Structures are given as C-alpha cells and as structure tokens.
N, C-alpha and C. Protein backbone atom coordinates (compact mmCIF):
# COMPACT_ATOMS: atom_id res chain seq x y z
N MET A 1 -32.81 11.18 -10.17
CA MET A 1 -34.26 10.71 -10.83
C MET A 1 -34.76 10.03 -9.47
N MET A 2 -34.08 9.45 -8.71
CA MET A 2 -34.46 8.37 -7.57
C MET A 2 -35.00 9.12 -6.36
N LYS A 3 -34.42 10.33 -6.32
CA LYS A 3 -34.96 11.32 -5.22
C LYS A 3 -36.20 11.69 -5.65
N THR A 4 -36.50 11.92 -6.88
CA THR A 4 -37.88 12.36 -7.30
C THR A 4 -38.65 11.41 -6.90
N GLU A 5 -38.48 10.22 -7.59
CA GLU A 5 -39.40 9.01 -7.35
C GLU A 5 -39.67 8.91 -5.89
N LYS A 6 -38.67 8.90 -4.76
CA LYS A 6 -38.74 8.75 -3.46
C LYS A 6 -39.69 9.82 -2.98
N ARG A 7 -39.65 10.81 -3.09
CA ARG A 7 -40.49 11.93 -2.94
C ARG A 7 -41.77 11.80 -3.37
N GLU A 8 -41.99 11.35 -4.61
CA GLU A 8 -43.20 11.24 -4.80
C GLU A 8 -43.91 10.13 -4.10
N GLN A 9 -43.47 9.10 -4.20
CA GLN A 9 -43.83 7.79 -2.79
C GLN A 9 -44.19 8.58 -1.72
N ARG A 10 -43.42 9.18 -1.12
CA ARG A 10 -43.70 9.90 0.34
C ARG A 10 -44.95 10.79 0.49
N ASP A 11 -44.86 11.58 -0.85
CA ASP A 11 -46.22 12.37 -1.13
C ASP A 11 -47.41 11.57 -1.07
N PHE A 12 -47.21 10.78 -1.80
CA PHE A 12 -48.46 9.94 -1.95
C PHE A 12 -48.80 9.09 -0.91
N ALA A 13 -47.91 8.59 0.00
CA ALA A 13 -48.24 8.04 1.38
C ALA A 13 -49.12 9.38 2.32
N GLU A 14 -48.33 10.26 2.39
CA GLU A 14 -48.76 11.43 3.21
C GLU A 14 -50.22 12.07 2.61
N ARG A 15 -50.66 11.99 1.47
CA ARG A 15 -51.72 12.03 0.93
C ARG A 15 -53.01 11.11 1.30
N ARG A 16 -52.43 9.87 1.26
CA ARG A 16 -53.42 8.61 1.38
C ARG A 16 -53.46 8.20 2.84
N TRP A 17 -52.24 8.49 3.85
CA TRP A 17 -52.35 7.95 5.23
C TRP A 17 -51.72 9.08 6.07
N PRO A 18 -52.47 10.44 6.11
CA PRO A 18 -51.77 11.19 6.50
C PRO A 18 -51.62 11.10 7.95
N LEU A 19 -52.45 10.58 8.70
CA LEU A 19 -52.40 10.30 10.41
C LEU A 19 -51.38 9.21 10.46
N LEU A 20 -51.39 8.53 9.78
CA LEU A 20 -50.35 7.31 9.95
C LEU A 20 -48.92 7.51 9.68
N SER A 21 -48.96 8.50 8.44
CA SER A 21 -47.72 9.27 8.28
C SER A 21 -47.05 9.97 9.39
N ASN A 22 -47.90 10.62 9.76
CA ASN A 22 -47.41 11.63 11.00
C ASN A 22 -47.08 10.99 12.33
N LEU A 23 -47.52 9.77 12.54
CA LEU A 23 -47.31 8.89 13.82
C LEU A 23 -46.10 8.36 13.47
N ILE A 24 -45.58 7.64 12.43
CA ILE A 24 -44.48 7.20 12.18
C ILE A 24 -43.64 8.07 11.99
N GLY A 25 -43.86 9.23 11.51
CA GLY A 25 -42.58 10.11 11.35
C GLY A 25 -42.23 11.00 12.84
N CYS A 26 -43.32 11.02 13.81
CA CYS A 26 -43.31 11.52 15.06
C CYS A 26 -42.44 10.66 16.22
N TYR A 27 -42.84 9.40 15.83
CA TYR A 27 -42.26 8.55 16.97
C TYR A 27 -41.35 7.63 16.51
N PHE A 28 -40.97 7.42 15.29
CA PHE A 28 -40.07 6.52 14.75
C PHE A 28 -39.14 7.17 14.05
N ASN A 29 -38.71 8.47 14.05
CA ASN A 29 -37.66 9.19 13.62
C ASN A 29 -36.29 8.89 14.20
N GLU A 30 -35.32 9.66 13.55
CA GLU A 30 -33.89 9.06 14.38
C GLU A 30 -33.75 9.28 15.94
N ASP A 31 -34.45 9.84 16.26
CA ASP A 31 -34.38 10.26 17.84
C ASP A 31 -35.30 9.20 18.74
N PHE A 32 -35.73 8.53 18.14
CA PHE A 32 -36.86 7.54 18.88
C PHE A 32 -36.41 7.04 20.30
N ASP A 33 -34.99 6.58 20.12
CA ASP A 33 -34.45 5.80 21.23
C ASP A 33 -34.20 6.90 22.28
N LEU A 34 -33.88 8.18 22.06
CA LEU A 34 -33.44 9.17 22.95
C LEU A 34 -34.62 9.80 23.68
N LEU A 35 -35.61 9.69 22.70
CA LEU A 35 -36.89 10.37 23.28
C LEU A 35 -37.80 9.32 24.15
N TYR A 36 -37.73 8.19 23.60
CA TYR A 36 -38.61 7.04 24.31
C TYR A 36 -37.79 6.00 24.75
N GLY A 37 -36.77 5.90 24.84
CA GLY A 37 -35.87 4.95 25.42
C GLY A 37 -35.77 3.60 24.83
N SER A 38 -36.76 3.23 23.90
CA SER A 38 -36.70 2.03 23.00
C SER A 38 -37.72 2.02 22.11
N LEU A 39 -37.69 0.99 21.52
CA LEU A 39 -38.55 0.82 20.06
C LEU A 39 -40.15 0.81 20.81
N ASP A 40 -40.03 -0.28 21.81
CA ASP A 40 -41.16 -0.51 22.69
C ASP A 40 -41.63 0.77 23.17
N GLY A 41 -40.98 1.69 23.90
CA GLY A 41 -41.38 3.06 24.47
C GLY A 41 -41.76 3.83 23.45
N ALA A 42 -41.50 4.04 22.02
CA ALA A 42 -42.04 4.81 21.05
C ALA A 42 -43.50 4.41 20.75
N VAL A 43 -43.55 2.78 20.61
CA VAL A 43 -44.88 2.11 20.26
C VAL A 43 -45.75 2.70 21.65
N ALA A 44 -45.50 2.43 22.66
CA ALA A 44 -46.21 2.60 23.77
C ALA A 44 -46.71 4.23 23.71
N ALA A 45 -45.92 5.30 23.60
CA ALA A 45 -46.33 6.52 23.56
C ALA A 45 -46.97 6.78 22.33
N ALA A 46 -46.85 6.15 21.00
CA ALA A 46 -47.69 6.45 20.04
C ALA A 46 -49.23 5.90 20.29
N ALA A 47 -49.24 5.11 21.01
CA ALA A 47 -50.72 4.16 21.07
C ALA A 47 -51.35 5.32 22.12
N ARG A 48 -50.88 6.20 23.24
CA ARG A 48 -51.54 7.01 24.15
C ARG A 48 -51.60 8.34 23.55
N ASP A 49 -51.12 8.51 22.65
CA ASP A 49 -51.25 10.17 22.03
C ASP A 49 -52.63 10.20 21.10
N GLY A 50 -53.13 11.21 21.53
CA GLY A 50 -54.29 11.59 20.76
C GLY A 50 -55.52 11.12 21.27
N SER A 51 -56.44 11.93 20.79
CA SER A 51 -58.04 11.61 21.56
C SER A 51 -58.35 9.97 20.63
N LEU A 52 -59.57 9.66 21.39
CA LEU A 52 -59.99 8.40 21.12
C LEU A 52 -60.35 8.32 19.63
N ASP A 53 -61.05 9.24 18.98
CA ASP A 53 -61.33 9.41 17.51
C ASP A 53 -60.22 9.55 16.71
N HIS A 54 -59.14 10.17 17.10
CA HIS A 54 -57.81 10.19 16.53
C HIS A 54 -57.13 8.94 16.26
N ARG A 55 -57.11 8.04 17.41
CA ARG A 55 -56.42 6.78 17.36
C ARG A 55 -57.18 5.87 16.54
N ARG A 56 -58.60 6.09 16.51
CA ARG A 56 -59.45 4.81 15.62
C ARG A 56 -59.18 5.17 14.24
N ALA A 57 -59.09 6.71 13.88
CA ALA A 57 -58.81 7.21 12.57
C ALA A 57 -57.51 6.48 12.23
N ILE A 58 -56.48 6.79 12.96
CA ILE A 58 -55.03 6.07 12.67
C ILE A 58 -55.39 4.51 12.15
N LEU A 59 -56.14 3.68 12.99
CA LEU A 59 -56.34 2.17 12.72
C LEU A 59 -57.16 2.39 11.21
N LYS A 60 -57.90 3.00 11.23
CA LYS A 60 -58.42 2.99 9.70
C LYS A 60 -57.62 2.95 8.60
N GLU A 61 -56.48 4.18 8.89
CA GLU A 61 -55.40 4.32 7.74
C GLU A 61 -54.41 3.17 7.89
N TRP A 62 -54.31 2.42 9.08
CA TRP A 62 -53.41 1.33 9.34
C TRP A 62 -54.18 0.47 8.33
N ARG A 63 -55.18 0.01 8.71
CA ARG A 63 -55.85 -1.17 7.75
C ARG A 63 -55.93 -1.02 6.39
N ASP A 64 -56.25 0.18 5.67
CA ASP A 64 -55.93 0.38 4.28
C ASP A 64 -54.55 0.29 3.99
N TRP A 65 -53.62 1.00 4.81
CA TRP A 65 -51.83 0.66 4.32
C TRP A 65 -51.55 -0.64 4.22
N ASN A 66 -52.15 -1.69 5.32
CA ASN A 66 -52.01 -2.99 5.37
C ASN A 66 -52.62 -3.73 4.33
N LEU A 67 -53.65 -3.50 3.79
CA LEU A 67 -54.16 -4.13 2.58
C LEU A 67 -53.42 -3.67 1.29
N SER A 68 -52.71 -2.71 1.04
CA SER A 68 -52.03 -2.29 -0.10
C SER A 68 -50.66 -2.51 -0.05
N VAL A 69 -49.91 -2.00 1.16
CA VAL A 69 -48.45 -2.05 0.92
C VAL A 69 -48.19 -3.10 1.93
N GLY A 70 -48.95 -3.04 2.97
CA GLY A 70 -48.45 -4.27 3.98
C GLY A 70 -48.44 -5.54 3.83
N VAL A 71 -48.99 -5.96 2.56
CA VAL A 71 -48.88 -7.36 1.83
C VAL A 71 -47.71 -7.70 1.42
N ALA A 72 -46.79 -7.01 1.40
CA ALA A 72 -45.44 -6.98 0.87
C ALA A 72 -44.58 -8.05 1.67
N SER A 73 -43.68 -8.95 1.45
CA SER A 73 -43.15 -10.12 2.19
C SER A 73 -41.98 -9.36 3.22
N ASP A 74 -41.39 -7.91 2.53
CA ASP A 74 -40.57 -7.49 3.40
C ASP A 74 -40.85 -6.05 3.41
N LEU A 75 -41.58 -5.44 4.52
CA LEU A 75 -41.92 -4.13 4.85
C LEU A 75 -40.80 -2.97 4.80
N ARG A 76 -39.62 -3.34 4.76
CA ARG A 76 -38.51 -2.66 5.25
C ARG A 76 -38.41 -1.43 4.09
N PRO A 77 -38.33 -2.13 2.80
CA PRO A 77 -38.33 -0.87 1.80
C PRO A 77 -39.51 -0.07 1.87
N GLU A 78 -40.84 -0.57 2.01
CA GLU A 78 -41.78 0.18 1.69
C GLU A 78 -41.93 1.30 2.95
N LEU A 79 -41.80 0.69 4.22
CA LEU A 79 -41.68 1.52 5.27
C LEU A 79 -40.73 3.02 5.08
N LYS A 80 -39.51 2.70 4.25
CA LYS A 80 -38.42 3.51 4.05
C LYS A 80 -39.12 4.52 3.10
N LYS A 81 -39.82 3.74 1.85
CA LYS A 81 -40.17 4.79 0.75
C LYS A 81 -41.61 5.78 1.20
N CYS A 82 -42.48 5.00 2.19
CA CYS A 82 -43.65 5.47 2.40
C CYS A 82 -43.19 6.60 3.42
N PHE A 83 -42.92 6.26 4.47
CA PHE A 83 -42.62 7.11 5.70
C PHE A 83 -41.44 7.52 6.21
N SER A 84 -40.29 7.11 5.56
CA SER A 84 -39.26 7.44 5.96
C SER A 84 -38.88 7.29 7.31
N ILE A 85 -39.17 6.13 7.53
CA ILE A 85 -39.22 5.65 8.84
C ILE A 85 -37.55 5.55 9.35
N ALA A 86 -37.07 5.89 10.52
CA ALA A 86 -35.41 5.92 10.87
C ALA A 86 -35.28 4.67 11.43
N VAL A 87 -36.00 3.77 11.78
CA VAL A 87 -35.72 2.42 12.62
C VAL A 87 -34.98 1.56 11.55
N ARG A 88 -33.78 0.89 12.02
CA ARG A 88 -32.96 -0.16 11.12
C ARG A 88 -33.33 -1.40 11.36
N PHE A 89 -33.79 -2.11 10.65
CA PHE A 89 -34.26 -3.35 10.82
C PHE A 89 -33.42 -4.43 10.20
N ARG A 90 -32.93 -5.36 10.93
CA ARG A 90 -31.98 -6.46 10.19
C ARG A 90 -32.64 -7.38 9.88
N LYS A 91 -33.84 -7.96 10.20
CA LYS A 91 -34.86 -8.95 9.45
C LYS A 91 -36.32 -8.23 9.13
N PRO A 92 -36.66 -8.99 8.09
CA PRO A 92 -38.18 -8.55 7.66
C PRO A 92 -39.12 -8.76 8.64
N GLU A 93 -38.74 -9.90 9.34
CA GLU A 93 -39.84 -9.97 10.67
C GLU A 93 -39.87 -8.78 11.60
N GLU A 94 -38.74 -7.87 11.88
CA GLU A 94 -38.75 -7.23 12.71
C GLU A 94 -39.54 -5.82 12.19
N ALA A 95 -39.74 -5.46 11.19
CA ALA A 95 -40.21 -4.45 10.45
C ALA A 95 -42.12 -4.82 10.54
N ARG A 96 -42.29 -6.10 10.15
CA ARG A 96 -43.46 -6.85 10.27
C ARG A 96 -44.17 -6.52 11.89
N HIS A 97 -43.22 -6.99 12.73
CA HIS A 97 -43.29 -6.99 13.94
C HIS A 97 -43.71 -5.66 14.77
N LEU A 98 -42.90 -4.58 14.21
CA LEU A 98 -43.20 -3.25 14.52
C LEU A 98 -44.35 -2.82 14.14
N MET A 99 -45.20 -3.12 13.03
CA MET A 99 -46.09 -2.40 12.43
C MET A 99 -47.40 -3.07 13.09
N GLU A 100 -47.37 -4.45 13.39
CA GLU A 100 -48.51 -5.17 14.10
C GLU A 100 -48.44 -5.11 15.56
N ASN A 101 -46.96 -4.47 16.40
CA ASN A 101 -47.16 -3.98 17.48
C ASN A 101 -47.81 -2.53 17.43
N ILE A 102 -47.78 -1.63 16.64
CA ILE A 102 -48.44 -0.44 16.44
C ILE A 102 -49.82 -0.52 16.41
N TYR A 103 -50.23 -1.52 15.82
CA TYR A 103 -51.77 -1.85 15.46
C TYR A 103 -52.14 -2.55 16.75
N ASP A 104 -51.40 -3.37 17.28
CA ASP A 104 -52.34 -4.04 18.43
C ASP A 104 -52.24 -3.03 19.74
N SER A 105 -51.04 -1.95 19.93
CA SER A 105 -51.07 -1.04 21.05
C SER A 105 -52.25 -0.06 20.89
N LEU A 106 -52.32 0.28 19.58
CA LEU A 106 -53.58 1.29 19.47
C LEU A 106 -54.80 0.50 19.84
N MET A 107 -54.93 -0.78 19.28
CA MET A 107 -56.31 -1.50 19.72
C MET A 107 -56.34 -1.55 21.09
N GLU A 108 -55.64 -1.95 21.66
CA GLU A 108 -55.41 -2.27 23.03
C GLU A 108 -56.04 -0.90 23.94
N GLY A 109 -55.17 0.31 23.80
CA GLY A 109 -55.66 1.56 24.08
C GLY A 109 -57.11 1.98 24.04
N ILE A 110 -57.56 1.79 22.63
CA ILE A 110 -58.81 2.04 22.43
C ILE A 110 -59.76 1.30 23.22
N ARG A 111 -59.73 -0.04 23.27
CA ARG A 111 -60.32 -1.06 23.82
C ARG A 111 -60.81 -0.78 25.49
N GLY A 112 -59.31 -0.28 26.02
CA GLY A 112 -59.34 0.13 27.34
C GLY A 112 -60.08 1.34 27.81
N GLU A 113 -59.92 2.28 27.05
CA GLU A 113 -60.64 3.60 27.01
C GLU A 113 -62.18 3.33 26.76
N THR A 114 -62.34 2.54 25.73
CA THR A 114 -63.67 2.43 25.66
C THR A 114 -64.55 1.85 26.97
N HIS A 115 -63.86 0.90 27.21
CA HIS A 115 -64.54 0.18 28.54
C HIS A 115 -64.54 0.79 29.52
N ARG A 116 -63.66 2.02 30.01
CA ARG A 116 -63.61 2.84 30.77
C ARG A 116 -64.88 3.56 31.08
N ASP A 117 -65.13 3.90 29.88
CA ASP A 117 -66.40 4.96 29.39
C ASP A 117 -67.73 4.68 29.86
N ILE A 118 -67.89 3.12 29.88
CA ILE A 118 -69.02 2.40 29.95
C ILE A 118 -69.47 2.47 31.50
C-alpha cells in the first residue's frame, strides 16, 4: 500500500511540476557526484541547461512548488516523495539550502543572459 501511495505522489508531482521533476531527476539522482563532482556542480549544471524560456518555466514551477510543498519545515520527506531525490540530507536546512540554491542559480543565469542580450 505504501508503494502505491508513494507512486501516486510522484505521479502528481510529475503532472504538476514536470520541468522541475525532470530537472531534479536528471541532476540530483544517485550519480550526481560522479557526473558533476559535487552537489554544487550539479546545481551549476542544472542552472545552465536549457533555453532561457525553459529555465523561466522551471522557475515558475519552482515558485508553485515552493508555495505549496516548500512551506514544510523539513523538505526532506517532500523532496523524496515528490521527486525521488537521491541526495542524502543530514539536516532539514541542507534540503532547504539546495532548493534555494537551485532557484538562485537559475535566477542568476537568467539575469546574466537577459543582460547579455541587451
């Protein structure tokens, strides 16, 4: 029964936040350290990937996620349920920091690209 509930939550997240789900699944899976060297390396790679419009759409989904699920005091269970994230967080602050770092890195990249086009 628990696996069914977990799968339903994952399916819900994939429907509601498909781009954010894909980003987390691609960059924060069990091989993130092998592929990107570190968690910061995975964040940097995720922030560079995709077109400007694609990254803006991810930010829009991130904001929606943050207003609903991101309000939890401990994001670790929510990240596991929603996105099956493979990062092992020791403290709740580490999970919050990762999600904020993803957002900030995407914003910084978008701002940099927008200013470059002017």
